[in-house]
PDB file of N, CA and C in Angstrom:
ATOM      1  N   MET A   1     -10.386   7.327-108.687  1.00  0.00           N
ATOM      2  CA  MET A   1      -9.219   8.146-108.945  1.00  0.00           C
ATOM      3  C   MET A   1      -7.975   7.364-108.536  1.00  0.00           C
ATOM      4  N   VAL A   2      -6.992   7.342-109.383  1.00  0.00           N
ATOM      5  CA  VAL A   2      -5.745   6.637-109.116  1.00  0.00           C
ATOM      6  C   VAL A   2      -4.692   7.644-108.700  1.00  0.00           C
ATOM      7  N   ARG A   3      -4.076   7.360-107.561  1.00  0.00           N
ATOM      8  CA  ARG A   3      -3.010   8.242-107.088  1.00  0.00           C
ATOM      9  C   ARG A   3      -1.696   7.876-107.775  1.00  0.00           C
ATOM     10  N   PRO A   4      -0.867   8.873-107.997  1.00  0.00           N
ATOM     11  CA  PRO A   4       0.435   8.560-108.597  1.00  0.00           C
ATOM     12  C   PRO A   4       1.276   7.718-107.621  1.00  0.00           C
ATOM     13  N   ARG A   5       2.142   6.917-108.179  1.00  0.00           N
ATOM     14  CA  ARG A   5       3.027   6.079-107.392  1.00  0.00           C
ATOM     15  C   ARG A   5       3.942   6.946-106.524  1.00  0.00           C
ATOM     16  N   GLU A   6       4.094   6.516-105.287  1.00  0.00           N
ATOM     17  CA  GLU A   6       5.005   7.213-104.387  1.00  0.00           C
ATOM     18  C   GLU A   6       6.433   6.881-104.810  1.00  0.00           C
ATOM     19  N   PRO A   7       7.284   7.887-104.946  1.00  0.00           N
ATOM     20  CA  PRO A   7       8.661   7.603-105.358  1.00  0.00           C
ATOM     21  C   PRO A   7       9.403   6.816-104.271  1.00  0.00           C
ATOM     22  N   ALA A   8      10.398   6.090-104.692  1.00  0.00           N
ATOM     23  CA  ALA A   8      11.250   5.381-103.735  1.00  0.00           C
ATOM     24  C   ALA A   8      12.109   6.404-102.995  1.00  0.00           C
ATOM     25  N   ARG A   9      12.501   6.046-101.808  1.00  0.00           N
ATOM     26  CA  ARG A   9      13.289   6.990-101.009  1.00  0.00           C
ATOM     27  C   ARG A   9      14.578   7.395-101.698  1.00  0.00           C
ATOM     28  N   HIS A  10      15.221   6.470-102.387  1.00  0.00           N
ATOM     29  CA  HIS A  10      16.486   6.820-103.038  1.00  0.00           C
ATOM     30  C   HIS A  10      16.286   7.833-104.169  1.00  0.00           C
ATOM     31  N   GLU A  11      15.047   7.973-104.632  1.00  0.00           N
ATOM     32  CA  GLU A  11      14.745   8.967-105.660  1.00  0.00           C
ATOM     33  C   GLU A  11      14.649  10.373-105.072  1.00  0.00           C
ATOM     34  N   ARG A  12      14.567  10.466-103.771  1.00  0.00           N
ATOM     35  CA  ARG A  12      14.525  11.749-103.063  1.00  0.00           C
ATOM     36  C   ARG A  12      15.631  11.745-101.997  1.00  0.00           C
ATOM     37  N   PRO A  13      16.885  11.948-102.448  1.00  0.00           N
ATOM     38  CA  PRO A  13      18.016  11.818-101.518  1.00  0.00           C
ATOM     39  C   PRO A  13      17.964  12.779-100.338  1.00  0.00           C
ATOM     40  N   GLU A  14      17.372  13.943-100.515  1.00  0.00           N
ATOM     41  CA  GLU A  14      17.282  14.895 -99.402  1.00  0.00           C
ATOM     42  C   GLU A  14      16.449  14.299 -98.264  1.00  0.00           C
ATOM     43  N   ILE A  15      15.346  13.659 -98.609  1.00  0.00           N
ATOM     44  CA  ILE A  15      14.483  13.042 -97.604  1.00  0.00           C
ATOM     45  C   ILE A  15      15.165  11.827 -97.002  1.00  0.00           C
ATOM     46  N   ASP A  16      15.742  11.008 -97.849  1.00  0.00           N
ATOM     47  CA  ASP A  16      16.406   9.801 -97.360  1.00  0.00           C
ATOM     48  C   ASP A  16      17.518  10.159 -96.383  1.00  0.00           C
ATOM     49  N   GLU A  17      18.341  11.116 -96.745  1.00  0.00           N
ATOM     50  CA  GLU A  17      19.455  11.515 -95.870  1.00  0.00           C
ATOM     51  C   GLU A  17      18.933  12.111 -94.560  1.00  0.00           C
ATOM     52  N   ALA A  18      17.933  12.973 -94.641  1.00  0.00           N
ATOM     53  CA  ALA A  18      17.366  13.574 -93.419  1.00  0.00           C
ATOM     54  C   ALA A  18      16.794  12.501 -92.501  1.00  0.00           C
ATOM     55  N   ALA A  19      16.131  11.511 -93.077  1.00  0.00           N
ATOM     56  CA  ALA A  19      15.556  10.429 -92.269  1.00  0.00           C
ATOM     57  C   ALA A  19      16.653   9.587 -91.626  1.00  0.00           C
ATOM     58  N   LEU A  20      17.717   9.309 -92.362  1.00  0.00           N
ATOM     59  CA  LEU A  20      18.809   8.506 -91.810  1.00  0.00           C
ATOM     60  C   LEU A  20      19.552   9.244 -90.689  1.00  0.00           C
ATOM     61  N   VAL A  21      19.750  10.529 -90.867  1.00  0.00           N
ATOM     62  CA  VAL A  21      20.399  11.327 -89.816  1.00  0.00           C
ATOM     63  C   VAL A  21      19.514  11.353 -88.570  1.00  0.00           C
ATOM     64  N   ALA A  22      18.220  11.564 -88.761  1.00  0.00           N
ATOM     65  CA  ALA A  22      17.287  11.570 -87.628  1.00  0.00           C
ATOM     66  C   ALA A  22      17.254  10.195 -86.949  1.00  0.00           C
ATOM     67  N   ALA A  23      17.365   9.127 -87.716  1.00  0.00           N
ATOM     68  CA  ALA A  23      17.368   7.777 -87.141  1.00  0.00           C
ATOM     69  C   ALA A  23      18.566   7.591 -86.214  1.00  0.00           C
ATOM     70  N   ARG A  24      19.726   8.098 -86.621  1.00  0.00           N
ATOM     71  CA  ARG A  24      20.913   7.986 -85.754  1.00  0.00           C
ATOM     72  C   ARG A  24      20.719   8.741 -84.448  1.00  0.00           C
ATOM     73  N   GLU A  25      20.104   9.905 -84.519  1.00  0.00           N
ATOM     74  CA  GLU A  25      19.843  10.673 -83.302  1.00  0.00           C
ATOM     75  C   GLU A  25      18.780   9.991 -82.446  1.00  0.00           C
ATOM     76  N   ALA A  26      17.789   9.391 -83.087  1.00  0.00           N
ATOM     77  CA  ALA A  26      16.747   8.659 -82.350  1.00  0.00           C
ATOM     78  C   ALA A  26      17.347   7.473 -81.607  1.00  0.00           C
ATOM     79  N   GLU A  27      18.331   6.815 -82.204  1.00  0.00           N
ATOM     80  CA  GLU A  27      19.009   5.709 -81.521  1.00  0.00           C
ATOM     81  C   GLU A  27      19.680   6.183 -80.243  1.00  0.00           C
ATOM     82  N   LYS A  28      20.253   7.366 -80.275  1.00  0.00           N
ATOM     83  CA  LYS A  28      20.898   7.930 -79.076  1.00  0.00           C
ATOM     84  C   LYS A  28      19.861   8.204 -77.992  1.00  0.00           C
ATOM     85  N   LEU A  29      18.719   8.769 -78.382  1.00  0.00           N
ATOM     86  CA  LEU A  29      17.646   9.012 -77.412  1.00  0.00           C
ATOM     87  C   LEU A  29      17.152   7.701 -76.811  1.00  0.00           C
ATOM     88  N   LEU A  30      16.964   6.714 -77.650  1.00  0.00           N
ATOM     89  CA  LEU A  30      16.487   5.414 -77.188  1.00  0.00           C
ATOM     90  C   LEU A  30      17.482   4.785 -76.222  1.00  0.00           C
ATOM     91  N   ALA A  31      18.754   4.822 -76.554  1.00  0.00           N
ATOM     92  CA  ALA A  31      19.775   4.258 -75.670  1.00  0.00           C
ATOM     93  C   ALA A  31      19.796   4.979 -74.319  1.00  0.00           C
ATOM     94  N   ALA A  32      19.690   6.295 -74.345  1.00  0.00           N
ATOM     95  CA  ALA A  32      19.688   7.063 -73.096  1.00  0.00           C
ATOM     96  C   ALA A  32      18.457   6.745 -72.259  1.00  0.00           C
ATOM     97  N   ALA A  33      17.314   6.612 -72.896  1.00  0.00           N
ATOM     98  CA  ALA A  33      16.090   6.282 -72.159  1.00  0.00           C
ATOM     99  C   ALA A  33      16.212   4.904 -71.521  1.00  0.00           C
ATOM    100  N   ARG A  34      16.786   3.970 -72.240  1.00  0.00           N
ATOM    101  CA  ARG A  34      16.969   2.618 -71.690  1.00  0.00           C
ATOM    102  C   ARG A  34      17.969   2.624 -70.535  1.00  0.00           C
ATOM    103  N   GLU A  35      19.066   3.359 -70.696  1.00  0.00           N
ATOM    104  CA  GLU A  35      20.079   3.461 -69.634  1.00  0.00           C
ATOM    105  C   GLU A  35      19.484   4.016 -68.346  1.00  0.00           C
ATOM    106  N   ARG A  36      18.592   4.963 -68.487  1.00  0.00           N
ATOM    107  CA  ARG A  36      17.996   5.621 -67.324  1.00  0.00           C
ATOM    108  C   ARG A  36      16.759   4.878 -66.804  1.00  0.00           C
ATOM    109  N   GLY A  37      16.395   3.811 -67.460  1.00  0.00           N
ATOM    110  CA  GLY A  37      15.224   3.045 -67.026  1.00  0.00           C
ATOM    111  C   GLY A  37      13.909   3.758 -67.275  1.00  0.00           C
ATOM    112  N   LEU A  38      13.875   4.612 -68.272  1.00  0.00           N
ATOM    113  CA  LEU A  38      12.668   5.375 -68.602  1.00  0.00           C
ATOM    114  C   LEU A  38      11.824   4.554 -69.575  1.00  0.00           C
ATOM    115  N   THR A  39      11.058   3.646 -69.020  1.00  0.00           N
ATOM    116  CA  THR A  39      10.290   2.695 -69.823  1.00  0.00           C
ATOM    117  C   THR A  39       9.365   3.394 -70.802  1.00  0.00           C
ATOM    118  N   ARG A  40       8.691   4.418 -70.345  1.00  0.00           N
ATOM    119  CA  ARG A  40       7.749   5.124 -71.227  1.00  0.00           C
ATOM    120  C   ARG A  40       8.443   5.641 -72.477  1.00  0.00           C
ATOM    121  N   TRP A  41       9.575   6.301 -72.296  1.00  0.00           N
ATOM    122  CA  TRP A  41      10.279   6.863 -73.438  1.00  0.00           C
ATOM    123  C   TRP A  41      10.993   5.778 -74.236  1.00  0.00           C
ATOM    124  N   SER A  42      11.429   4.716 -73.584  1.00  0.00           N
ATOM    125  CA  SER A  42      12.013   3.579 -74.310  1.00  0.00           C
ATOM    126  C   SER A  42      10.973   2.952 -75.232  1.00  0.00           C
ATOM    127  N   ASP A  43       9.784   2.759 -74.711  1.00  0.00           N
ATOM    128  CA  ASP A  43       8.703   2.195 -75.525  1.00  0.00           C
ATOM    129  C   ASP A  43       8.321   3.140 -76.664  1.00  0.00           C
ATOM    130  N   PHE A  44       8.269   4.413 -76.360  1.00  0.00           N
ATOM    131  CA  PHE A  44       7.884   5.416 -77.350  1.00  0.00           C
ATOM    132  C   PHE A  44       8.897   5.473 -78.496  1.00  0.00           C
ATOM    133  N   PHE A  45      10.176   5.545 -78.150  1.00  0.00           N
ATOM    134  CA  PHE A  45      11.216   5.683 -79.173  1.00  0.00           C
ATOM    135  C   PHE A  45      11.678   4.349 -79.740  1.00  0.00           C
ATOM    136  N   GLY A  46      11.243   3.235 -79.162  1.00  0.00           N
ATOM    137  CA  GLY A  46      11.690   1.919 -79.602  1.00  0.00           C
ATOM    138  C   GLY A  46      11.619   1.683 -81.102  1.00  0.00           C
ATOM    139  N   PRO A  47      10.464   1.888 -81.734  1.00  0.00           N
ATOM    140  CA  PRO A  47      10.363   1.616 -83.175  1.00  0.00           C
ATOM    141  C   PRO A  47      10.860   2.761 -84.069  1.00  0.00           C
ATOM    142  N   VAL A  48      11.114   3.911 -83.501  1.00  0.00           N
ATOM    143  CA  VAL A  48      11.390   5.102 -84.306  1.00  0.00           C
ATOM    144  C   VAL A  48      12.631   4.968 -85.200  1.00  0.00           C
ATOM    145  N   PRO A  49      13.774   4.525 -84.696  1.00  0.00           N
ATOM    146  CA  PRO A  49      14.938   4.443 -85.591  1.00  0.00           C
ATOM    147  C   PRO A  49      14.696   3.566 -86.816  1.00  0.00           C
ATOM    148  N   ASP A  50      14.068   2.407 -86.635  1.00  0.00           N
ATOM    149  CA  ASP A  50      13.810   1.520 -87.779  1.00  0.00           C
ATOM    150  C   ASP A  50      12.839   2.149 -88.770  1.00  0.00           C
ATOM    151  N   VAL A  51      11.813   2.802 -88.266  1.00  0.00           N
ATOM    152  CA  VAL A  51      10.860   3.464 -89.167  1.00  0.00           C
ATOM    153  C   VAL A  51      11.574   4.557 -89.959  1.00  0.00           C
ATOM    154  N   LEU A  52      12.386   5.353 -89.276  1.00  0.00           N
ATOM    155  CA  LEU A  52      13.093   6.429 -89.969  1.00  0.00           C
ATOM    156  C   LEU A  52      14.079   5.883 -91.004  1.00  0.00           C
ATOM    157  N   ARG A  53      14.634   4.730 -90.750  1.00  0.00           N
ATOM    158  CA  ARG A  53      15.575   4.131 -91.710  1.00  0.00           C
ATOM    159  C   ARG A  53      14.886   3.504 -92.914  1.00  0.00           C
ATOM    160  N   ASP A  54      13.700   2.932 -92.706  1.00  0.00           N
ATOM    161  CA  ASP A  54      13.133   2.060 -93.734  1.00  0.00           C
ATOM    162  C   ASP A  54      11.790   2.476 -94.322  1.00  0.00           C
ATOM    163  N   ALA A  55      11.053   3.343 -93.687  1.00  0.00           N
ATOM    164  CA  ALA A  55       9.669   3.616 -94.087  1.00  0.00           C
ATOM    165  C   ALA A  55       9.572   4.460 -95.353  1.00  0.00           C
ATOM    166  N   GLY A  56       8.415   4.344 -95.987  1.00  0.00           N
ATOM    167  CA  GLY A  56       8.086   5.198 -97.121  1.00  0.00           C
ATOM    168  C   GLY A  56       7.655   6.577 -96.640  1.00  0.00           C
ATOM    169  N   PHE A  57       7.356   7.450 -97.573  1.00  0.00           N
ATOM    170  CA  PHE A  57       7.053   8.840 -97.230  1.00  0.00           C
ATOM    171  C   PHE A  57       5.847   8.989 -96.308  1.00  0.00           C
ATOM    172  N   LYS A  58       4.807   8.241 -96.578  1.00  0.00           N
ATOM    173  CA  LYS A  58       3.601   8.358 -95.750  1.00  0.00           C
ATOM    174  C   LYS A  58       3.909   7.994 -94.302  1.00  0.00           C
ATOM    175  N   ASP A  59       4.575   6.869 -94.082  1.00  0.00           N
ATOM    176  CA  ASP A  59       4.915   6.457 -92.720  1.00  0.00           C
ATOM    177  C   ASP A  59       5.922   7.405 -92.071  1.00  0.00           C
ATOM    178  N   LEU A  60       6.806   7.968 -92.879  1.00  0.00           N
ATOM    179  CA  LEU A  60       7.740   8.964 -92.334  1.00  0.00           C
ATOM    180  C   LEU A  60       6.981  10.182 -91.820  1.00  0.00           C
ATOM    181  N   ARG A  61       6.001  10.640 -92.605  1.00  0.00           N
ATOM    182  CA  ARG A  61       5.211  11.804 -92.181  1.00  0.00           C
ATOM    183  C   ARG A  61       4.479  11.528 -90.873  1.00  0.00           C
ATOM    184  N   VAL A  62       3.848  10.372 -90.792  1.00  0.00           N
ATOM    185  CA  VAL A  62       3.084  10.010 -89.591  1.00  0.00           C
ATOM    186  C   VAL A  62       4.018   9.907 -88.386  1.00  0.00           C
ATOM    187  N   THR A  63       5.123   9.222 -88.560  1.00  0.00           N
ATOM    188  CA  THR A  63       6.065   9.038 -87.453  1.00  0.00           C
ATOM    189  C   THR A  63       6.683  10.361 -87.034  1.00  0.00           C
ATOM    190  N   ALA A  64       7.061  11.182 -87.997  1.00  0.00           N
ATOM    191  CA  ALA A  64       7.663  12.476 -87.664  1.00  0.00           C
ATOM    192  C   ALA A  64       6.684  13.346 -86.876  1.00  0.00           C
ATOM    193  N   ALA A  65       5.435  13.371 -87.278  1.00  0.00           N
ATOM    194  CA  ALA A  65       4.433  14.170 -86.551  1.00  0.00           C
ATOM    195  C   ALA A  65       4.221  13.620 -85.142  1.00  0.00           C
ATOM    196  N   ARG A  66       4.166  12.304 -85.022  1.00  0.00           N
ATOM    197  CA  ARG A  66       3.962  11.670 -83.715  1.00  0.00           C
ATOM    198  C   ARG A  66       5.138  11.965 -82.783  1.00  0.00           C
ATOM    199  N   VAL A  67       6.336  11.816 -83.301  1.00  0.00           N
ATOM    200  CA  VAL A  67       7.524  12.033 -82.477  1.00  0.00           C
ATOM    201  C   VAL A  67       7.695  13.514 -82.165  1.00  0.00           C
ATOM    202  N   ARG A  68       7.360  14.375 -83.098  1.00  0.00           N
ATOM    203  CA  ARG A  68       7.458  15.829 -82.854  1.00  0.00           C
ATOM    204  C   ARG A  68       6.567  16.225 -81.683  1.00  0.00           C
ATOM    205  N   ALA A  69       5.454  15.539 -81.517  1.00  0.00           N
ATOM    206  CA  ALA A  69       4.534  15.825 -80.417  1.00  0.00           C
ATOM    207  C   ALA A  69       5.145  15.510 -79.051  1.00  0.00           C
ATOM    208  N   ALA A  70       6.196  14.718 -79.011  1.00  0.00           N
ATOM    209  CA  ALA A  70       6.873  14.408 -77.741  1.00  0.00           C
ATOM    210  C   ALA A  70       7.586  15.629 -77.179  1.00  0.00           C
ATOM    211  N   TYR A  71       7.670  16.682 -77.956  1.00  0.00           N
ATOM    212  CA  TYR A  71       8.308  17.925 -77.525  1.00  0.00           C
ATOM    213  C   TYR A  71       7.272  18.982 -77.124  1.00  0.00           C
ATOM    214  N   GLY A  72       6.092  18.553 -76.762  1.00  0.00           N
ATOM    215  CA  GLY A  72       5.018  19.472 -76.402  1.00  0.00           C
ATOM    216  C   GLY A  72       5.274  20.203 -75.101  1.00  0.00           C
ATOM    217  N   PRO A  73       4.383  21.123 -74.765  1.00  0.00           N
ATOM    218  CA  PRO A  73       4.549  21.930 -73.555  1.00  0.00           C
ATOM    219  C   PRO A  73       4.344  21.127 -72.273  1.00  0.00           C
ATOM    220  N   LYS A  74       3.595  20.043 -72.357  1.00  0.00           N
ATOM    221  CA  LYS A  74       3.370  19.201 -71.180  1.00  0.00           C
ATOM    222  C   LYS A  74       3.973  17.833 -71.450  1.00  0.00           C
ATOM    223  N   ASP A  75       4.570  17.262 -70.431  1.00  0.00           N
ATOM    224  CA  ASP A  75       5.078  15.895 -70.529  1.00  0.00           C
ATOM    225  C   ASP A  75       6.028  15.728 -71.710  1.00  0.00           C
ATOM    226  N   SER A  76       7.020  16.594 -71.793  1.00  0.00           N
ATOM    227  CA  SER A  76       7.958  16.612 -72.899  1.00  0.00           C
ATOM    228  C   SER A  76       9.128  15.665 -72.649  1.00  0.00           C
ATOM    229  N   VAL A  77       9.660  15.123 -73.726  1.00  0.00           N
ATOM    230  CA  VAL A  77      10.867  14.308 -73.630  1.00  0.00           C
ATOM    231  C   VAL A  77      12.026  15.154 -73.102  1.00  0.00           C
ATOM    232  N   ARG A  78      11.935  16.451 -73.293  1.00  0.00           N
ATOM    233  CA  ARG A  78      12.965  17.360 -72.763  1.00  0.00           C
ATOM    234  C   ARG A  78      13.049  17.307 -71.240  1.00  0.00           C
ATOM    235  N   ASP A  79      11.957  16.943 -70.590  1.00  0.00           N
ATOM    236  CA  ASP A  79      11.943  16.848 -69.131  1.00  0.00           C
ATOM    237  C   ASP A  79      12.621  15.578 -68.629  1.00  0.00           C
ATOM    238  N   ALA A  80      12.776  14.596 -69.499  1.00  0.00           N
ATOM    239  CA  ALA A  80      13.306  13.305 -69.088  1.00  0.00           C
ATOM    240  C   ALA A  80      14.741  13.055 -69.544  1.00  0.00           C
ATOM    241  N   LEU A  81      15.118  13.641 -70.665  1.00  0.00           N
ATOM    242  CA  LEU A  81      16.441  13.392 -71.230  1.00  0.00           C
ATOM    243  C   LEU A  81      17.189  14.699 -71.434  1.00  0.00           C
ATOM    244  N   PRO A  82      18.510  14.649 -71.443  1.00  0.00           N
ATOM    245  CA  PRO A  82      19.298  15.887 -71.539  1.00  0.00           C
ATOM    246  C   PRO A  82      19.197  16.562 -72.910  1.00  0.00           C
ATOM    247  N   ALA A  83      19.378  17.864 -72.884  1.00  0.00           N
ATOM    248  CA  ALA A  83      19.300  18.673 -74.105  1.00  0.00           C
ATOM    249  C   ALA A  83      20.335  18.248 -75.142  1.00  0.00           C
ATOM    250  N   GLU A  84      21.467  17.714 -74.701  1.00  0.00           N
ATOM    251  CA  GLU A  84      22.499  17.276 -75.649  1.00  0.00           C
ATOM    252  C   GLU A  84      21.981  16.170 -76.562  1.00  0.00           C
ATOM    253  N   LEU A  85      20.923  15.496 -76.132  1.00  0.00           N
ATOM    254  CA  LEU A  85      20.318  14.433 -76.935  1.00  0.00           C
ATOM    255  C   LEU A  85      19.021  14.880 -77.594  1.00  0.00           C
ATOM    256  N   THR A  86      18.194  15.593 -76.851  1.00  0.00           N
ATOM    257  CA  THR A  86      16.877  15.942 -77.379  1.00  0.00           C
ATOM    258  C   THR A  86      16.937  17.009 -78.470  1.00  0.00           C
ATOM    259  N   GLU A  87      17.804  17.988 -78.314  1.00  0.00           N
ATOM    260  CA  GLU A  87      17.808  19.105 -79.257  1.00  0.00           C
ATOM    261  C   GLU A  87      18.374  18.736 -80.629  1.00  0.00           C
ATOM    262  N   PRO A  88      19.471  17.973 -80.717  1.00  0.00           N
ATOM    263  CA  PRO A  88      19.916  17.569 -82.060  1.00  0.00           C
ATOM    264  C   PRO A  88      18.879  16.718 -82.790  1.00  0.00           C
ATOM    265  N   PHE A  89      18.197  15.848 -82.054  1.00  0.00           N
ATOM    266  CA  PHE A  89      17.163  15.040 -82.690  1.00  0.00           C
ATOM    267  C   PHE A  89      16.032  15.930 -83.189  1.00  0.00           C
ATOM    268  N   LEU A  90      15.624  16.900 -82.394  1.00  0.00           N
ATOM    269  CA  LEU A  90      14.556  17.806 -82.808  1.00  0.00           C
ATOM    270  C   LEU A  90      14.957  18.580 -84.063  1.00  0.00           C
ATOM    271  N   THR A  91      16.176  19.050 -84.102  1.00  0.00           N
ATOM    272  CA  THR A  91      16.668  19.767 -85.282  1.00  0.00           C
ATOM    273  C   THR A  91      16.617  18.884 -86.520  1.00  0.00           C
ATOM    274  N   ASP A  92      17.097  17.658 -86.383  1.00  0.00           N
ATOM    275  CA  ASP A  92      17.098  16.736 -87.520  1.00  0.00           C
ATOM    276  C   ASP A  92      15.691  16.318 -87.910  1.00  0.00           C
ATOM    277  N   LEU A  93      14.833  16.144 -86.944  1.00  0.00           N
ATOM    278  CA  LEU A  93      13.446  15.793 -87.222  1.00  0.00           C
ATOM    279  C   LEU A  93      12.749  16.923 -87.977  1.00  0.00           C
ATOM    280  N   ASP A  94      12.992  18.157 -87.571  1.00  0.00           N
ATOM    281  CA  ASP A  94      12.394  19.294 -88.272  1.00  0.00           C
ATOM    282  C   ASP A  94      12.904  19.403 -89.712  1.00  0.00           C
ATOM    283  N   LYS A  95      14.176  19.075 -89.937  1.00  0.00           N
ATOM    284  CA  LYS A  95      14.704  19.065 -91.307  1.00  0.00           C
ATOM    285  C   LYS A  95      13.974  18.023 -92.140  1.00  0.00           C
ATOM    286  N   LEU A  96      13.722  16.868 -91.551  1.00  0.00           N
ATOM    287  CA  LEU A  96      12.984  15.820 -92.257  1.00  0.00           C
ATOM    288  C   LEU A  96      11.568  16.280 -92.569  1.00  0.00           C
ATOM    289  N   ILE A  97      10.900  16.871 -91.609  1.00  0.00           N
ATOM    290  CA  ILE A  97       9.527  17.347 -91.818  1.00  0.00           C
ATOM    291  C   ILE A  97       9.485  18.380 -92.948  1.00  0.00           C
ATOM    292  N   LYS A  98      10.445  19.280 -92.988  1.00  0.00           N
ATOM    293  CA  LYS A  98      10.493  20.287 -94.053  1.00  0.00           C
ATOM    294  C   LYS A  98      10.758  19.650 -95.411  1.00  0.00           C
ATOM    295  N   ALA A  99      11.655  18.673 -95.455  1.00  0.00           N
ATOM    296  CA  ALA A  99      11.931  17.986 -96.715  1.00  0.00           C
ATOM    297  C   ALA A  99      10.702  17.240 -97.214  1.00  0.00           C
ATOM    298  N   LEU A 100       9.969  16.597 -96.297  1.00  0.00           N
ATOM    299  CA  LEU A 100       8.748  15.905 -96.683  1.00  0.00           C
ATOM    300  C   LEU A 100       7.687  16.881 -97.182  1.00  0.00           C
ATOM    301  N   ALA A 101       7.610  18.045 -96.550  1.00  0.00           N
ATOM    302  CA  ALA A 101       6.638  19.059 -96.983  1.00  0.00           C
ATOM    303  C   ALA A 101       6.967  19.566 -98.379  1.00  0.00           C
ATOM    304  N   ARG A 102       8.266  19.792 -98.649  1.00  0.00           N
ATOM    305  CA  ARG A 102       8.662  20.229 -99.983  1.00  0.00           C
ATOM    306  C   ARG A 102       8.313  19.181-101.031  1.00  0.00           C
ATOM    307  N   GLU A 103       8.554  17.917-100.696  1.00  0.00           N
ATOM    308  CA  GLU A 103       8.252  16.838-101.631  1.00  0.00           C
ATOM    309  C   GLU A 103       6.747  16.762-101.895  1.00  0.00           C
ATOM    310  N   ALA A 104       5.943  16.939-100.876  1.00  0.00           N
ATOM    311  CA  ALA A 104       4.483  16.894-101.039  1.00  0.00           C
ATOM    312  C   ALA A 104       4.004  18.051-101.916  1.00  0.00           C
ATOM    313  N   MET A 105       4.608  19.195-101.789  1.00  0.00           N
ATOM    314  CA  MET A 105       4.221  20.355-102.597  1.00  0.00           C
ATOM    315  C   MET A 105       4.569  20.156-104.066  1.00  0.00           C
ATOM    316  N   GLU A 106       5.631  19.399-104.330  1.00  0.00           N
ATOM    317  CA  GLU A 106       6.066  19.156-105.700  1.00  0.00           C
ATOM    318  C   GLU A 106       5.165  18.169-106.427  1.00  0.00           C
ATOM    319  N   ARG A 107       4.440  17.388-105.678  1.00  0.00           N
ATOM    320  CA  ARG A 107       3.585  16.370-106.314  1.00  0.00           C
ATOM    321  C   ARG A 107       2.405  16.971-106.961  1.00  0.00           C
TER     322      ARG A 107
END
């Protein structure tokens, strides 16, 4: 069975824009983690901005799910970084996840 070609990100501007906005917020989280010497969160968020800027849909889905898990009930990024940084990123990440879900349903 041959799967249909995955569209380019520019063909789905809603997803591309959501990913780029989330990448900017991820950069803020990464900078704050580095400033505070939070190695664990620096390592965790290190690749995230680049993936959000450049990855295809499949990698975006995987990364978004992985990063969303950082907001779990135990050992949350919310415990390490201020809400002024964590909450806007979470909002933007959820917008990206919803846009990706809509795109998957359309296929």
